[in-house]
Amino acid sequence: MSYTDTYLEEVKAITDRLDHAAINKMIDILVEIREKKGRVFFLGVGGSAGNTGHAVNDFRKNCRYRIILPNG
């Protein structure tokens, strides 16, 4: 099996275990927050602070959310 085949099989195994109802609930919550002009807070400590910084930029740019990032 090639690297690509192995990788895609692993991705499929992971995504098959995701809780679709929980993902849809989170989407509904985020839509409600945006409709009510609310804010989303992201907090990252250590290395994850970089991850939250990237997520905040994506939410601001692509989804037009008001995001608070205390560490950035």
PDB file of N, CA and C in Angstrom:
ATOM      1  N   MET A   1       0.857  -1.177   0.000  1.00  0.00           N
ATOM      2  CA  MET A   1       0.000   0.000   0.000  1.00  0.00           C
ATOM      3  C   MET A   1       0.901   1.238   0.000  1.00  0.00           C
ATOM      4  N   SER A   2       0.541   2.226  -0.802  1.00  0.00           N
ATOM      5  CA  SER A   2       1.346   3.441  -0.893  1.00  0.00           C
ATOM      6  C   SER A   2       1.111   4.346   0.318  1.00  0.00           C
ATOM      7  N   TYR A   3       2.002   5.297   0.465  1.00  0.00           N
ATOM      8  CA  TYR A   3       1.859   6.277   1.550  1.00  0.00           C
ATOM      9  C   TYR A   3       0.510   6.985   1.448  1.00  0.00           C
ATOM     10  N   THR A   4       0.143   7.388   0.234  1.00  0.00           N
ATOM     11  CA  THR A   4      -1.123   8.101   0.028  1.00  0.00           C
ATOM     12  C   THR A   4      -2.301   7.234   0.435  1.00  0.00           C
ATOM     13  N   ASP A   5      -2.293   5.970   0.029  1.00  0.00           N
ATOM     14  CA  ASP A   5      -3.384   5.063   0.395  1.00  0.00           C
ATOM     15  C   ASP A   5      -3.486   4.893   1.907  1.00  0.00           C
ATOM     16  N   THR A   6      -2.343   4.722   2.550  1.00  0.00           N
ATOM     17  CA  THR A   6      -2.316   4.567   4.004  1.00  0.00           C
ATOM     18  C   THR A   6      -2.845   5.817   4.688  1.00  0.00           C
ATOM     19  N   TYR A   7      -2.369   6.966   4.234  1.00  0.00           N
ATOM     20  CA  TYR A   7      -2.800   8.238   4.831  1.00  0.00           C
ATOM     21  C   TYR A   7      -4.313   8.412   4.694  1.00  0.00           C
ATOM     22  N   LEU A   8      -4.838   8.188   3.493  1.00  0.00           N
ATOM     23  CA  LEU A   8      -6.274   8.385   3.276  1.00  0.00           C
ATOM     24  C   LEU A   8      -7.111   7.375   4.056  1.00  0.00           C
ATOM     25  N   GLU A   9      -6.617   6.167   4.225  1.00  0.00           N
ATOM     26  CA  GLU A   9      -7.319   5.190   5.054  1.00  0.00           C
ATOM     27  C   GLU A   9      -7.369   5.659   6.507  1.00  0.00           C
ATOM     28  N   GLU A  10      -6.272   6.214   6.998  1.00  0.00           N
ATOM     29  CA  GLU A  10      -6.246   6.739   8.362  1.00  0.00           C
ATOM     30  C   GLU A  10      -7.198   7.922   8.510  1.00  0.00           C
ATOM     31  N   VAL A  11      -7.216   8.818   7.532  1.00  0.00           N
ATOM     32  CA  VAL A  11      -8.135   9.955   7.569  1.00  0.00           C
ATOM     33  C   VAL A  11      -9.574   9.459   7.606  1.00  0.00           C
ATOM     34  N   LYS A  12      -9.894   8.497   6.770  1.00  0.00           N
ATOM     35  CA  LYS A  12     -11.250   7.947   6.735  1.00  0.00           C
ATOM     36  C   LYS A  12     -11.621   7.319   8.071  1.00  0.00           C
ATOM     37  N   ALA A  13     -10.702   6.567   8.659  1.00  0.00           N
ATOM     38  CA  ALA A  13     -10.981   5.932   9.951  1.00  0.00           C
ATOM     39  C   ALA A  13     -11.270   6.973  11.028  1.00  0.00           C
ATOM     40  N   ILE A  14     -10.536   8.073  10.988  1.00  0.00           N
ATOM     41  CA  ILE A  14     -10.747   9.145  11.970  1.00  0.00           C
ATOM     42  C   ILE A  14     -12.077   9.845  11.723  1.00  0.00           C
ATOM     43  N   THR A  15     -12.343  10.220  10.474  1.00  0.00           N
ATOM     44  CA  THR A  15     -13.574  10.958  10.184  1.00  0.00           C
ATOM     45  C   THR A  15     -14.815  10.098  10.392  1.00  0.00           C
ATOM     46  N   ASP A  16     -14.700   8.791  10.218  1.00  0.00           N
ATOM     47  CA  ASP A  16     -15.838   7.909  10.477  1.00  0.00           C
ATOM     48  C   ASP A  16     -16.230   7.902  11.946  1.00  0.00           C
ATOM     49  N   ARG A  17     -15.283   8.242  12.841  1.00  0.00           N
ATOM     50  CA  ARG A  17     -15.566   8.259  14.284  1.00  0.00           C
ATOM     51  C   ARG A  17     -16.077   9.603  14.784  1.00  0.00           C
ATOM     52  N   LEU A  18     -16.096  10.618  13.928  1.00  0.00           N
ATOM     53  CA  LEU A  18     -16.550  11.939  14.363  1.00  0.00           C
ATOM     54  C   LEU A  18     -18.039  11.926  14.673  1.00  0.00           C
ATOM     55  N   ASP A  19     -18.417  12.696  15.660  1.00  0.00           N
ATOM     56  CA  ASP A  19     -19.816  12.807  16.075  1.00  0.00           C
ATOM     57  C   ASP A  19     -20.483  13.897  15.233  1.00  0.00           C
ATOM     58  N   HIS A  20     -21.210  13.487  14.203  1.00  0.00           N
ATOM     59  CA  HIS A  20     -21.829  14.443  13.287  1.00  0.00           C
ATOM     60  C   HIS A  20     -22.835  15.342  13.997  1.00  0.00           C
ATOM     61  N   ALA A  21     -23.569  14.789  14.946  1.00  0.00           N
ATOM     62  CA  ALA A  21     -24.551  15.595  15.684  1.00  0.00           C
ATOM     63  C   ALA A  21     -23.857  16.695  16.478  1.00  0.00           C
ATOM     64  N   ALA A  22     -22.730  16.389  17.088  1.00  0.00           N
ATOM     65  CA  ALA A  22     -21.990  17.395  17.858  1.00  0.00           C
ATOM     66  C   ALA A  22     -21.439  18.486  16.937  1.00  0.00           C
ATOM     67  N   ILE A  23     -20.954  18.093  15.765  1.00  0.00           N
ATOM     68  CA  ILE A  23     -20.448  19.083  14.808  1.00  0.00           C
ATOM     69  C   ILE A  23     -21.573  19.995  14.350  1.00  0.00           C
ATOM     70  N   ASN A  24     -22.720  19.426  14.018  1.00  0.00           N
ATOM     71  CA  ASN A  24     -23.862  20.236  13.584  1.00  0.00           C
ATOM     72  C   ASN A  24     -24.355  21.154  14.688  1.00  0.00           C
ATOM     73  N   LYS A  25     -24.326  20.683  15.928  1.00  0.00           N
ATOM     74  CA  LYS A  25     -24.737  21.523  17.058  1.00  0.00           C
ATOM     75  C   LYS A  25     -23.790  22.715  17.189  1.00  0.00           C
ATOM     76  N   MET A  26     -22.484  22.476  17.038  1.00  0.00           N
ATOM     77  CA  MET A  26     -21.506  23.564  17.124  1.00  0.00           C
ATOM     78  C   MET A  26     -21.728  24.574  16.005  1.00  0.00           C
ATOM     79  N   ILE A  27     -22.025  24.094  14.815  1.00  0.00           N
ATOM     80  CA  ILE A  27     -22.321  24.996  13.699  1.00  0.00           C
ATOM     81  C   ILE A  27     -23.529  25.851  14.033  1.00  0.00           C
ATOM     82  N   ASP A  28     -24.584  25.236  14.557  1.00  0.00           N
ATOM     83  CA  ASP A  28     -25.790  25.985  14.928  1.00  0.00           C
ATOM     84  C   ASP A  28     -25.477  27.051  15.972  1.00  0.00           C
ATOM     85  N   ILE A  29     -24.651  26.709  16.939  1.00  0.00           N
ATOM     86  CA  ILE A  29     -24.267  27.666  17.986  1.00  0.00           C
ATOM     87  C   ILE A  29     -23.502  28.834  17.378  1.00  0.00           C
ATOM     88  N   LEU A  30     -22.543  28.540  16.502  1.00  0.00           N
ATOM     89  CA  LEU A  30     -21.756  29.601  15.875  1.00  0.00           C
ATOM     90  C   LEU A  30     -22.613  30.504  14.994  1.00  0.00           C
ATOM     91  N   VAL A  31     -23.564  29.928  14.285  1.00  0.00           N
ATOM     92  CA  VAL A  31     -24.472  30.737  13.457  1.00  0.00           C
ATOM     93  C   VAL A  31     -25.307  31.652  14.341  1.00  0.00           C
ATOM     94  N   GLU A  32     -25.815  31.120  15.440  1.00  0.00           N
ATOM     95  CA  GLU A  32     -26.614  31.925  16.370  1.00  0.00           C
ATOM     96  C   GLU A  32     -25.793  33.077  16.951  1.00  0.00           C
ATOM     97  N   ILE A  33     -24.554  32.791  17.313  1.00  0.00           N
ATOM     98  CA  ILE A  33     -23.682  33.837  17.854  1.00  0.00           C
ATOM     99  C   ILE A  33     -23.509  34.957  16.831  1.00  0.00           C
ATOM    100  N   ARG A  34     -23.252  34.586  15.585  1.00  0.00           N
ATOM    101  CA  ARG A  34     -23.049  35.611  14.554  1.00  0.00           C
ATOM    102  C   ARG A  34     -24.326  36.403  14.318  1.00  0.00           C
ATOM    103  N   GLU A  35     -25.475  35.729  14.265  1.00  0.00           N
ATOM    104  CA  GLU A  35     -26.751  36.418  14.038  1.00  0.00           C
ATOM    105  C   GLU A  35     -27.070  37.407  15.153  1.00  0.00           C
ATOM    106  N   LYS A  36     -26.675  37.075  16.369  1.00  0.00           N
ATOM    107  CA  LYS A  36     -26.933  37.954  17.516  1.00  0.00           C
ATOM    108  C   LYS A  36     -25.809  38.960  17.738  1.00  0.00           C
ATOM    109  N   LYS A  37     -24.855  38.987  16.789  1.00  0.00           N
ATOM    110  CA  LYS A  37     -23.699  39.885  16.884  1.00  0.00           C
ATOM    111  C   LYS A  37     -22.908  39.660  18.175  1.00  0.00           C
ATOM    112  N   GLY A  38     -22.837  38.413  18.570  1.00  0.00           N
ATOM    113  CA  GLY A  38     -22.081  38.047  19.768  1.00  0.00           C
ATOM    114  C   GLY A  38     -20.599  37.914  19.456  1.00  0.00           C
ATOM    115  N   ARG A  39     -19.866  37.469  20.426  1.00  0.00           N
ATOM    116  CA  ARG A  39     -18.422  37.302  20.300  1.00  0.00           C
ATOM    117  C   ARG A  39     -18.037  35.868  20.609  1.00  0.00           C
ATOM    118  N   VAL A  40     -16.943  35.459  20.021  1.00  0.00           N
ATOM    119  CA  VAL A  40     -16.366  34.152  20.309  1.00  0.00           C
ATOM    120  C   VAL A  40     -15.001  34.401  20.936  1.00  0.00           C
ATOM    121  N   PHE A  41     -14.710  33.699  22.008  1.00  0.00           N
ATOM    122  CA  PHE A  41     -13.420  33.827  22.683  1.00  0.00           C
ATOM    123  C   PHE A  41     -12.580  32.592  22.390  1.00  0.00           C
ATOM    124  N   PHE A  42     -11.351  32.806  21.996  1.00  0.00           N
ATOM    125  CA  PHE A  42     -10.385  31.730  21.794  1.00  0.00           C
ATOM    126  C   PHE A  42      -9.265  31.934  22.806  1.00  0.00           C
ATOM    127  N   LEU A  43      -8.793  30.857  23.378  1.00  0.00           N
ATOM    128  CA  LEU A  43      -7.687  30.951  24.313  1.00  0.00           C
ATOM    129  C   LEU A  43      -6.739  29.790  24.065  1.00  0.00           C
ATOM    130  N   GLY A  44      -5.484  30.124  23.853  1.00  0.00           N
ATOM    131  CA  GLY A  44      -4.466  29.103  23.675  1.00  0.00           C
ATOM    132  C   GLY A  44      -3.296  29.402  24.585  1.00  0.00           C
ATOM    133  N   VAL A  45      -2.694  28.361  25.100  1.00  0.00           N
ATOM    134  CA  VAL A  45      -1.557  28.505  25.991  1.00  0.00           C
ATOM    135  C   VAL A  45      -0.385  27.742  25.381  1.00  0.00           C
ATOM    136  N   GLY A  46       0.771  28.354  25.406  1.00  0.00           N
ATOM    137  CA  GLY A  46       1.948  27.698  24.849  1.00  0.00           C
ATOM    138  C   GLY A  46       1.840  27.571  23.343  1.00  0.00           C
ATOM    139  N   GLY A  47       2.149  26.383  22.831  1.00  0.00           N
ATOM    140  CA  GLY A  47       2.114  26.156  21.389  1.00  0.00           C
ATOM    141  C   GLY A  47       0.733  26.311  20.791  1.00  0.00           C
ATOM    142  N   SER A  48      -0.295  25.992  21.560  1.00  0.00           N
ATOM    143  CA  SER A  48      -1.648  26.105  21.020  1.00  0.00           C
ATOM    144  C   SER A  48      -2.079  27.560  20.838  1.00  0.00           C
ATOM    145  N   ALA A  49      -1.320  28.498  21.403  1.00  0.00           N
ATOM    146  CA  ALA A  49      -1.628  29.914  21.182  1.00  0.00           C
ATOM    147  C   ALA A  49      -1.474  30.245  19.696  1.00  0.00           C
ATOM    148  N   GLY A  50      -0.518  29.634  19.038  1.00  0.00           N
ATOM    149  CA  GLY A  50      -0.363  29.836  17.602  1.00  0.00           C
ATOM    150  C   GLY A  50      -1.548  29.284  16.831  1.00  0.00           C
ATOM    151  N   ASN A  51      -2.047  28.118  17.251  1.00  0.00           N
ATOM    152  CA  ASN A  51      -3.221  27.528  16.598  1.00  0.00           C
ATOM    153  C   ASN A  51      -4.441  28.427  16.745  1.00  0.00           C
ATOM    154  N   THR A  52      -4.629  28.973  17.944  1.00  0.00           N
ATOM    155  CA  THR A  52      -5.792  29.839  18.146  1.00  0.00           C
ATOM    156  C   THR A  52      -5.655  31.115  17.332  1.00  0.00           C
ATOM    157  N   GLY A  53      -4.438  31.616  17.197  1.00  0.00           N
ATOM    158  CA  GLY A  53      -4.229  32.811  16.381  1.00  0.00           C
ATOM    159  C   GLY A  53      -4.641  32.581  14.932  1.00  0.00           C
ATOM    160  N   HIS A  54      -4.284  31.421  14.400  1.00  0.00           N
ATOM    161  CA  HIS A  54      -4.672  31.098  13.024  1.00  0.00           C
ATOM    162  C   HIS A  54      -6.188  30.929  12.915  1.00  0.00           C
ATOM    163  N   ALA A  55      -6.789  30.260  13.886  1.00  0.00           N
ATOM    164  CA  ALA A  55      -8.232  30.056  13.862  1.00  0.00           C
ATOM    165  C   ALA A  55      -8.972  31.391  13.909  1.00  0.00           C
ATOM    166  N   VAL A  56      -8.501  32.294  14.758  1.00  0.00           N
ATOM    167  CA  VAL A  56      -9.126  33.614  14.875  1.00  0.00           C
ATOM    168  C   VAL A  56      -9.076  34.345  13.541  1.00  0.00           C
ATOM    169  N   ASN A  57      -7.927  34.319  12.890  1.00  0.00           N
ATOM    170  CA  ASN A  57      -7.822  34.994  11.593  1.00  0.00           C
ATOM    171  C   ASN A  57      -8.784  34.397  10.580  1.00  0.00           C
ATOM    172  N   ASP A  58      -8.928  33.077  10.568  1.00  0.00           N
ATOM    173  CA  ASP A  58      -9.853  32.437   9.643  1.00  0.00           C
ATOM    174  C   ASP A  58     -11.301  32.825   9.943  1.00  0.00           C
ATOM    175  N   PHE A  59     -11.678  32.817  11.227  1.00  0.00           N
ATOM    176  CA  PHE A  59     -13.049  33.178  11.592  1.00  0.00           C
ATOM    177  C   PHE A  59     -13.336  34.639  11.260  1.00  0.00           C
ATOM    178  N   ARG A  60     -12.392  35.504  11.509  1.00  0.00           N
ATOM    179  CA  ARG A  60     -12.587  36.929  11.205  1.00  0.00           C
ATOM    180  C   ARG A  60     -12.711  37.156   9.709  1.00  0.00           C
ATOM    181  N   LYS A  61     -11.781  36.607   8.954  1.00  0.00           N
ATOM    182  CA  LYS A  61     -11.703  36.860   7.516  1.00  0.00           C
ATOM    183  C   LYS A  61     -12.811  36.137   6.751  1.00  0.00           C
ATOM    184  N   ASN A  62     -12.994  34.863   7.017  1.00  0.00           N
ATOM    185  CA  ASN A  62     -13.907  34.046   6.218  1.00  0.00           C
ATOM    186  C   ASN A  62     -15.343  34.058   6.709  1.00  0.00           C
ATOM    187  N   CYS A  63     -15.539  34.254   7.991  1.00  0.00           N
ATOM    188  CA  CYS A  63     -16.885  34.130   8.563  1.00  0.00           C
ATOM    189  C   CYS A  63     -17.406  35.421   9.173  1.00  0.00           C
ATOM    190  N   ARG A  64     -16.544  36.424   9.269  1.00  0.00           N
ATOM    191  CA  ARG A  64     -16.915  37.736   9.801  1.00  0.00           C
ATOM    192  C   ARG A  64     -17.456  37.678  11.236  1.00  0.00           C
ATOM    193  N   TYR A  65     -16.722  36.971  12.080  1.00  0.00           N
ATOM    194  CA  TYR A  65     -17.068  36.906  13.499  1.00  0.00           C
ATOM    195  C   TYR A  65     -16.296  37.960  14.269  1.00  0.00           C
ATOM    196  N   ARG A  66     -16.874  38.372  15.386  1.00  0.00           N
ATOM    197  CA  ARG A  66     -16.155  39.215  16.332  1.00  0.00           C
ATOM    198  C   ARG A  66     -15.457  38.270  17.285  1.00  0.00           C
ATOM    199  N   ILE A  67     -14.149  38.236  17.211  1.00  0.00           N
ATOM    200  CA  ILE A  67     -13.357  37.279  17.970  1.00  0.00           C
ATOM    201  C   ILE A  67     -12.485  38.015  18.972  1.00  0.00           C
ATOM    202  N   ILE A  68     -12.405  37.454  20.175  1.00  0.00           N
ATOM    203  CA  ILE A  68     -11.524  37.971  21.213  1.00  0.00           C
ATOM    204  C   ILE A  68     -10.421  36.931  21.424  1.00  0.00           C
ATOM    205  N   LEU A  69      -9.190  37.363  21.355  1.00  0.00           N
ATOM    206  CA  LEU A  69      -8.041  36.481  21.571  1.00  0.00           C
ATOM    207  C   LEU A  69      -7.175  37.127  22.655  1.00  0.00           C
ATOM    208  N   PRO A  70      -7.414  36.765  23.936  1.00  0.00           N
ATOM    209  CA  PRO A  70      -6.674  37.413  25.018  1.00  0.00           C
ATOM    210  C   PRO A  70      -5.160  37.280  24.924  1.00  0.00           C
ATOM    211  N   ASN A  71      -4.678  36.214  24.328  1.00  0.00           N
ATOM    212  CA  ASN A  71      -3.241  35.988  24.285  1.00  0.00           C
ATOM    213  C   ASN A  71      -2.598  36.520  23.011  1.00  0.00           C
ATOM    214  N   GLY A  72      -3.342  37.229  22.159  1.00  0.00           N
ATOM    215  CA  GLY A  72      -2.731  37.665  20.910  1.00  0.00           C
ATOM    216  C   GLY A  72      -3.117  38.980  20.527  1.00  0.00           C
TER     217      GLY A  72
END
